[in-house]
Amino acid sequence: MTGRTPRLGRLRRVPSEGRASRPVEARGARPRRRGTQPKVVALGGGMGLSASLAALRRITGDLTAVVTVADDGGSSGRLRDELGVLPPGDLRKALAALCGDDDWGQTWSRVIQHRFQSQGEINGHAVGNLLIVALWEQLGDHVQALDLVGKLLGAHGRVLPMSAVPLELQALVKGHDPRRPEDVDTVRGQATVALTPGDVQSVHLVPHDPPAVPEAVAAVLDADWVVLGPGSWFSSVIPHLLVPELLNALIETKARRVLSLNLAPQPGETDGFSPQRHLEVLGRHAPKLALDVVLADEAAVPDRDSLTDAATRFGAAVELAKVARTDGTPRHDPELLAAAYDRIFRMHGRIGPWR
């Protein structure tokens, strides 16, 4: 899959107790200037990206989220259909995740996530979606508008769309129709793909070669670390690899790349997927992509040797840590995930000097 020589082939357990510490020097990296922090770019969408951002904002102040824009359900889908705009929902969720833990941050996080309940047309719309779309119409600039929303919220980072055009996600699904289990059908729309029955073979975007937002490409190329996942694998994670300019940036960047795996398969989209199968389908969509670290919850990996083998084909080490909430739900704990990311950043260092 890649010509890179793996640096580590064994499993390493990341200590997860306690609050994430302040980033320090990684072995092998040249000393950083006092006060500098790693530049981190996180890619994804939905609740998976929100979990990653809530963790990463605890350990760096130089954080950029690059968000998928293929959502076609709920409030986002309605605004997209009616106004022809980018779907704002995943962008809103990323901004909410970057809000601070003080009263200001938590108040604004609740406000932009608030959904109206009524018998009229506003029912189900999120306040943040309306705010983002209003600023797009006022300013005529996706990036400037999102930066302004982030400033209003006091967000601990920047949010960018991966493309400036609305995208349609399409999937080839085997057995989508239970009456024809061997047939492969095309399923259209992110909301439909996320819940599709059958076995998703591959996904693609319409248009097929969408332009990337230049600021997103620049952020990836300038990063010290790039984090991909967790999230809905086919509808939130892999779409970033289907934007040619963004994929080229991910391949060419000198940043180190972390793939954060999900805690459990997603009903419909990845039913029955093992951790290593998540890596296999990622590789089919981006065979030239190399990784440095694959992060997984230790309780979600029943076959550690198979995951190690799959990660080695990307040139990556596997890091296991307790990153799940303790309430039994398949959700990441922000403090534990932050501790795992911080440990990885310090252990694996970076290619080139810290800025």
Protein backbone atom coordinates (compact mmCIF):
# COMPACT_ATOMS: atom_id res chain seq x y z
CA MET A 1 0.00 0.00 0.00
CA THR A 2 2.90 2.33 0.69
CA GLY A 3 6.61 2.23 0.27
CA ARG A 4 7.28 3.79 3.66
CA THR A 5 9.17 1.70 6.14
CA PRO A 6 7.14 1.18 9.33
CA ARG A 7 8.73 2.77 12.34
CA LEU A 8 6.98 0.55 14.86
CA GLY A 9 5.23 -2.74 14.34
CA ARG A 10 4.27 -3.55 17.89
CA LEU A 11 1.35 -2.45 19.99
CA ARG A 12 1.96 0.24 22.54
CA ARG A 13 -0.38 1.05 25.37
CA VAL A 14 -0.94 4.73 26.06
CA PRO A 15 -1.34 5.64 29.73
CA SER A 16 -4.77 7.18 30.08
CA GLU A 17 -5.07 8.18 33.68
CA GLY A 18 -5.42 11.79 34.63
CA ARG A 19 -5.87 15.01 32.72
CA ALA A 20 -3.93 15.59 29.52
CA SER A 21 -0.64 17.29 30.27
CA ARG A 22 0.84 20.25 28.47
CA PRO A 23 2.65 19.12 25.29
CA VAL A 24 6.38 18.69 25.75
CA GLU A 25 9.29 17.72 23.55
CA ALA A 26 9.13 14.49 21.57
CA ARG A 27 12.26 12.39 21.44
CA GLY A 28 14.17 13.04 18.25
CA ALA A 29 12.61 16.43 17.59
CA ARG A 30 14.64 19.60 17.79
CA PRO A 31 13.80 21.78 20.81
CA ARG A 32 10.76 24.01 20.49
CA ARG A 33 10.77 27.64 21.39
CA ARG A 34 9.15 28.17 24.78
CA GLY A 35 5.43 28.78 24.48
CA THR A 36 4.96 27.26 21.02
CA GLN A 37 2.32 24.61 20.41
CA PRO A 38 1.83 21.98 17.71
CA LYS A 39 -0.28 22.97 14.73
CA VAL A 40 -3.02 20.36 14.53
CA VAL A 41 -5.58 19.81 11.76
CA ALA A 42 -8.53 17.47 12.40
CA LEU A 43 -10.63 16.11 9.54
CA GLY A 44 -14.08 14.55 9.76
CA GLY A 45 -17.68 15.43 10.42
CA GLY A 46 -20.56 14.96 12.81
CA MET A 47 -20.17 13.73 16.36
CA GLY A 48 -16.91 11.91 15.68
CA LEU A 49 -15.11 15.10 14.71
CA SER A 50 -16.76 16.92 17.62
CA ALA A 51 -15.29 14.36 20.03
CA SER A 52 -11.83 14.78 18.54
CA LEU A 53 -12.01 18.58 18.66
CA ALA A 54 -13.25 18.61 22.27
CA ALA A 55 -10.13 16.62 23.14
CA LEU A 56 -7.62 18.45 20.95
CA ARG A 57 -8.60 21.94 22.15
CA ARG A 58 -7.43 20.86 25.60
CA ILE A 59 -3.85 20.32 24.44
CA THR A 60 -3.19 22.90 21.72
CA GLY A 61 -4.28 26.42 20.91
CA ASP A 62 -3.40 26.05 17.21
CA LEU A 63 -6.24 23.86 15.95
CA THR A 64 -8.09 23.75 12.63
CA ALA A 65 -11.09 21.57 11.77
CA VAL A 66 -11.69 20.61 8.13
CA VAL A 67 -15.29 19.48 7.82
CA THR A 68 -17.17 17.41 5.25
CA VAL A 69 -19.97 19.17 3.37
CA ALA A 70 -22.07 16.33 1.95
CA ASP A 71 -24.85 16.28 4.57
CA ASP A 72 -28.32 16.26 3.04
CA GLY A 73 -30.54 15.44 6.01
CA GLY A 74 -32.44 17.41 8.65
CA SER A 75 -32.06 21.16 8.98
CA SER A 76 -28.90 21.18 6.85
CA GLY A 77 -30.60 19.35 4.01
CA ARG A 78 -33.57 21.70 4.06
CA LEU A 79 -31.38 24.80 3.95
CA ARG A 80 -29.25 23.26 1.23
CA ASP A 81 -32.30 22.46 -0.92
CA GLU A 82 -34.03 25.80 -0.35
CA LEU A 83 -31.06 28.17 -0.59
CA GLY A 84 -28.42 26.22 -2.50
CA VAL A 85 -25.87 26.67 0.29
CA LEU A 86 -23.32 24.35 1.84
CA PRO A 87 -24.91 22.18 4.52
CA PRO A 88 -24.01 24.00 7.75
CA GLY A 89 -24.77 21.28 10.32
CA ASP A 90 -21.39 19.59 10.66
CA LEU A 91 -19.67 22.99 10.61
CA ARG A 92 -21.95 24.10 13.46
CA LYS A 93 -21.16 20.98 15.49
CA ALA A 94 -17.43 21.57 15.05
CA LEU A 95 -17.77 25.18 16.24
CA ALA A 96 -19.77 24.03 19.27
CA ALA A 97 -17.07 21.49 20.14
CA LEU A 98 -14.44 24.23 20.06
CA CYS A 99 -16.30 26.37 22.59
CA GLY A 100 -14.56 26.73 25.93
CA ASP A 101 -15.63 25.28 29.25
CA ASP A 102 -16.31 28.71 30.79
CA ASP A 103 -19.81 30.22 31.03
CA TRP A 104 -19.41 32.14 27.76
CA GLY A 105 -18.32 29.10 25.80
CA GLN A 106 -20.89 26.72 27.21
CA THR A 107 -23.73 29.23 26.81
CA TRP A 108 -22.92 29.81 23.15
CA SER A 109 -22.42 26.11 22.55
CA ARG A 110 -25.97 25.47 23.80
CA VAL A 111 -27.37 28.40 21.83
CA ILE A 112 -26.01 27.38 18.43
CA GLN A 113 -27.03 23.76 19.04
CA HIS A 114 -30.56 24.76 20.06
CA ARG A 115 -33.31 23.51 17.74
CA PHE A 116 -36.65 25.24 17.39
CA GLN A 117 -39.77 23.24 18.14
CA SER A 118 -42.92 24.43 16.40
CA GLN A 119 -45.72 23.46 14.08
CA GLY A 120 -44.34 25.72 11.33
CA GLU A 121 -41.49 25.90 8.86
CA ILE A 122 -38.86 26.71 11.47
CA ASN A 123 -39.40 23.40 13.26
CA GLY A 124 -36.17 21.42 13.60
CA HIS A 125 -33.86 24.18 12.42
CA ALA A 126 -30.76 24.75 14.58
CA VAL A 127 -29.92 28.31 15.59
CA GLY A 128 -26.31 27.87 14.52
CA ASN A 129 -27.32 26.69 11.05
CA LEU A 130 -29.38 29.84 10.51
CA LEU A 131 -26.61 32.06 11.87
CA ILE A 132 -23.95 30.52 9.60
CA VAL A 133 -26.13 30.72 6.49
CA ALA A 134 -27.10 34.32 7.28
CA LEU A 135 -23.42 35.31 7.46
CA TRP A 136 -22.67 33.47 4.23
CA GLU A 137 -25.35 35.53 2.52
CA GLN A 138 -24.16 38.76 4.16
CA LEU A 139 -20.44 38.31 3.52
CA GLY A 140 -20.41 36.11 0.42
CA ASP A 141 -17.39 34.23 1.80
CA HIS A 142 -17.61 30.83 3.51
CA VAL A 143 -14.31 31.09 5.35
CA GLN A 144 -14.71 34.68 6.52
CA ALA A 145 -18.20 33.93 7.84
CA LEU A 146 -17.08 30.86 9.78
CA ASP A 147 -14.14 32.79 11.22
CA LEU A 148 -16.57 35.47 12.40
CA VAL A 149 -18.84 32.90 14.06
CA GLY A 150 -15.82 31.39 15.76
CA LYS A 151 -14.80 34.81 17.04
CA LEU A 152 -18.30 35.40 18.41
CA LEU A 153 -18.25 32.06 20.24
CA GLY A 154 -14.70 32.43 21.50
CA ALA A 155 -13.91 29.15 19.73
CA HIS A 156 -10.57 27.52 20.54
CA GLY A 157 -9.67 26.91 16.91
CA ARG A 158 -10.75 27.47 13.33
CA VAL A 159 -13.43 25.65 11.29
CA LEU A 160 -13.18 25.25 7.51
CA PRO A 161 -15.31 23.37 4.96
CA MET A 162 -13.36 20.83 2.91
CA SER A 163 -14.96 22.17 -0.28
CA ALA A 164 -16.85 25.34 -1.21
CA VAL A 165 -19.48 23.49 -3.25
CA PRO A 166 -22.27 21.27 -1.87
CA LEU A 167 -21.41 17.62 -2.47
CA GLU A 168 -23.54 14.53 -2.93
CA LEU A 169 -22.25 11.29 -1.45
CA GLN A 170 -22.98 8.14 -3.43
CA ALA A 171 -22.22 4.56 -2.42
CA LEU A 172 -22.08 1.23 -4.17
CA VAL A 173 -23.87 -1.16 -1.82
CA LYS A 174 -24.11 -4.92 -2.17
CA GLY A 175 -27.38 -6.33 -0.86
CA HIS A 176 -29.04 -2.96 -0.38
CA ASP A 177 -32.25 -4.69 -1.41
CA PRO A 178 -32.65 -7.80 0.79
CA ARG A 179 -34.55 -9.47 -2.04
CA ARG A 180 -31.40 -9.22 -4.22
CA PRO A 181 -28.53 -9.95 -1.82
CA GLU A 182 -25.89 -10.33 -4.55
CA ASP A 183 -26.79 -7.21 -6.52
CA VAL A 184 -24.87 -3.95 -6.17
CA ASP A 185 -26.94 -0.77 -6.16
CA THR A 186 -26.06 2.92 -6.07
CA VAL A 187 -27.31 4.63 -2.91
CA ARG A 188 -27.45 8.43 -3.01
CA GLY A 189 -27.18 10.93 -0.17
CA GLN A 190 -25.13 11.03 3.02
CA ALA A 191 -28.13 10.52 5.28
CA THR A 192 -29.16 7.42 3.32
CA VAL A 193 -25.64 5.99 3.08
CA ALA A 194 -25.16 6.36 6.84
CA LEU A 195 -28.08 4.02 7.53
CA THR A 196 -28.03 1.79 4.47
CA PRO A 197 -28.59 -1.94 4.82
CA GLY A 198 -26.17 -4.15 2.94
CA ASP A 199 -22.40 -4.03 2.49
CA VAL A 200 -20.93 -0.70 1.36
CA GLN A 201 -18.33 -1.48 -1.30
CA SER A 202 -17.12 2.04 -2.00
CA VAL A 203 -18.19 5.68 -1.95
CA HIS A 204 -17.64 8.62 -4.29
CA LEU A 205 -18.61 12.26 -4.51
CA VAL A 206 -20.67 14.18 -7.05
CA PRO A 207 -19.11 16.21 -8.57
CA HIS A 208 -16.31 13.66 -8.82
CA ASP A 209 -13.39 16.12 -8.58
CA PRO A 210 -14.65 18.86 -6.26
CA PRO A 211 -12.38 21.80 -5.53
CA ALA A 212 -10.90 21.99 -2.06
CA VAL A 213 -11.05 25.16 0.02
CA PRO A 214 -7.54 26.64 -0.37
CA GLU A 215 -7.29 27.46 3.34
CA ALA A 216 -7.96 23.79 4.18
CA VAL A 217 -5.20 22.61 1.84
CA ALA A 218 -2.81 25.19 3.28
CA ALA A 219 -3.63 24.13 6.85
CA VAL A 220 -2.85 20.48 6.10
CA LEU A 221 0.43 21.33 4.39
CA ASP A 222 1.47 23.59 7.29
CA ALA A 223 0.43 21.25 10.11
CA ASP A 224 2.60 19.40 12.58
CA TRP A 225 -0.10 16.76 13.12
CA VAL A 226 -3.14 15.73 11.09
CA VAL A 227 -5.89 13.74 12.81
CA LEU A 228 -8.37 11.76 10.69
CA GLY A 229 -11.44 10.27 12.40
CA PRO A 230 -13.22 9.09 14.41
CA GLY A 231 -16.64 9.31 12.79
CA SER A 232 -19.00 7.69 10.32
CA TRP A 233 -16.47 5.92 8.15
CA PHE A 234 -18.03 6.16 4.70
CA SER A 235 -19.98 9.38 5.19
CA SER A 236 -17.67 11.55 7.34
CA VAL A 237 -14.10 10.20 7.25
CA ILE A 238 -13.45 8.81 3.75
CA PRO A 239 -15.06 11.78 1.87
CA HIS A 240 -11.98 13.91 2.68
CA LEU A 241 -9.92 11.45 0.66
CA LEU A 242 -12.19 11.95 -2.36
CA VAL A 243 -11.30 15.64 -2.78
CA PRO A 244 -8.18 15.46 -4.99
CA GLU A 245 -6.41 18.59 -3.74
CA LEU A 246 -7.05 17.63 -0.13
CA LEU A 247 -5.85 14.06 -0.65
CA ASN A 248 -2.68 15.32 -2.35
CA ALA A 249 -2.06 17.60 0.62
CA LEU A 250 -2.52 14.68 3.03
CA ILE A 251 -0.02 12.63 1.02
CA GLU A 252 2.54 15.42 0.59
CA THR A 253 2.42 17.11 4.01
CA LYS A 254 5.38 16.77 6.33
CA ALA A 255 2.93 16.52 9.23
CA ARG A 256 2.52 13.26 11.07
CA ARG A 257 -0.84 11.59 10.56
CA VAL A 258 -3.01 9.96 13.22
CA LEU A 259 -6.02 7.82 12.36
CA SER A 260 -8.46 7.61 15.28
CA LEU A 261 -10.70 4.55 15.08
CA ASN A 262 -14.31 4.34 16.18
CA LEU A 263 -15.33 2.64 19.40
CA ALA A 264 -17.88 0.40 17.70
CA PRO A 265 -19.25 -0.33 14.21
CA GLN A 266 -21.99 2.03 13.08
CA PRO A 267 -25.39 0.39 12.53
CA GLY A 268 -26.08 0.21 8.80
CA GLU A 269 -22.90 1.79 7.47
CA THR A 270 -20.23 -0.44 9.03
CA ASP A 271 -22.17 -3.32 10.61
CA GLY A 272 -19.80 -6.16 11.45
CA PHE A 273 -16.63 -4.18 10.72
CA SER A 274 -13.53 -5.09 12.71
CA PRO A 275 -10.99 -2.35 13.48
CA GLN A 276 -8.71 -3.71 10.78
CA ARG A 277 -11.48 -3.69 8.18
CA HIS A 278 -11.90 0.04 8.77
CA LEU A 279 -8.25 0.39 7.72
CA GLU A 280 -8.70 -1.88 4.70
CA VAL A 281 -11.55 0.15 3.21
CA LEU A 282 -9.65 3.37 3.90
CA GLY A 283 -6.72 1.96 1.95
CA ARG A 284 -8.93 1.01 -0.98
CA HIS A 285 -10.07 4.61 -1.32
CA ALA A 286 -6.61 6.16 -0.84
CA PRO A 287 -3.91 3.57 -1.61
CA LYS A 288 -1.07 6.14 -1.54
CA LEU A 289 -1.96 7.52 1.89
CA ALA A 290 0.55 6.80 4.65
CA LEU A 291 -0.14 7.01 8.37
CA ASP A 292 2.11 7.31 11.40
CA VAL A 293 -0.18 6.23 14.22
CA VAL A 294 -3.48 4.34 14.48
CA LEU A 295 -5.24 5.08 17.77
CA ALA A 296 -7.85 2.65 19.10
CA ASP A 297 -9.64 2.02 22.36
CA GLU A 298 -8.07 -1.05 23.94
CA ALA A 299 -11.46 -2.61 24.72
CA ALA A 300 -12.57 -2.27 21.07
CA VAL A 301 -9.72 -4.37 19.63
CA PRO A 302 -10.36 -8.11 20.04
CA ASP A 303 -7.59 -9.12 17.57
CA ARG A 304 -4.57 -6.97 18.21
CA ASP A 305 -2.24 -8.81 15.82
CA SER A 306 -4.60 -8.31 12.86
CA LEU A 307 -4.91 -4.60 13.59
CA THR A 308 -1.12 -4.33 13.83
CA ASP A 309 -0.74 -6.04 10.45
CA ALA A 310 -3.29 -3.71 8.85
CA ALA A 311 -1.63 -0.62 10.35
CA THR A 312 1.84 -1.77 9.24
CA ARG A 313 0.68 -1.66 5.62
CA PHE A 314 0.20 2.10 6.12
CA GLY A 315 3.60 2.43 7.81
CA ALA A 316 1.86 3.09 11.12
CA ALA A 317 2.27 2.08 14.75
CA VAL A 318 -0.78 1.10 16.78
CA GLU A 319 -1.48 2.90 20.03
CA LEU A 320 -4.07 1.48 22.43
CA ALA A 321 -5.62 3.59 25.18
CA LYS A 322 -8.75 3.82 27.25
CA VAL A 323 -10.60 6.62 25.46
CA ALA A 324 -14.26 5.60 25.89
CA ARG A 325 -16.70 7.04 28.39
CA THR A 326 -17.31 4.83 31.40
CA ASP A 327 -21.12 4.94 31.08
CA GLY A 328 -21.16 2.07 28.58
CA THR A 329 -22.11 4.20 25.56
CA PRO A 330 -19.86 4.10 22.47
CA ARG A 331 -18.71 7.69 22.92
CA HIS A 332 -15.25 9.12 23.46
CA ASP A 333 -14.36 10.77 26.76
CA PRO A 334 -12.77 14.14 25.93
CA GLU A 335 -10.30 14.03 28.81
CA LEU A 336 -9.15 10.50 28.10
CA LEU A 337 -8.93 11.14 24.37
CA ALA A 338 -6.95 14.32 25.04
CA ALA A 339 -4.51 12.35 27.20
CA ALA A 340 -4.06 9.80 24.41
CA TYR A 341 -3.46 12.45 21.74
CA ASP A 342 -1.04 14.32 23.98
CA ARG A 343 0.90 11.17 24.69
CA ILE A 344 1.07 10.33 20.97
CA PHE A 345 2.23 13.82 20.04
CA ARG A 346 5.01 13.68 22.61
CA MET A 347 6.09 10.09 21.91
CA HIS A 348 6.13 10.16 18.14
CA GLY A 349 7.40 13.65 17.57
CA ARG A 350 7.28 15.41 14.26
CA ILE A 351 9.23 15.50 11.02
CA GLY A 352 11.16 18.75 11.27
CA PRO A 353 11.30 21.35 14.04
CA TRP A 354 8.40 22.48 16.11
CA ARG A 355 7.41 26.02 15.23
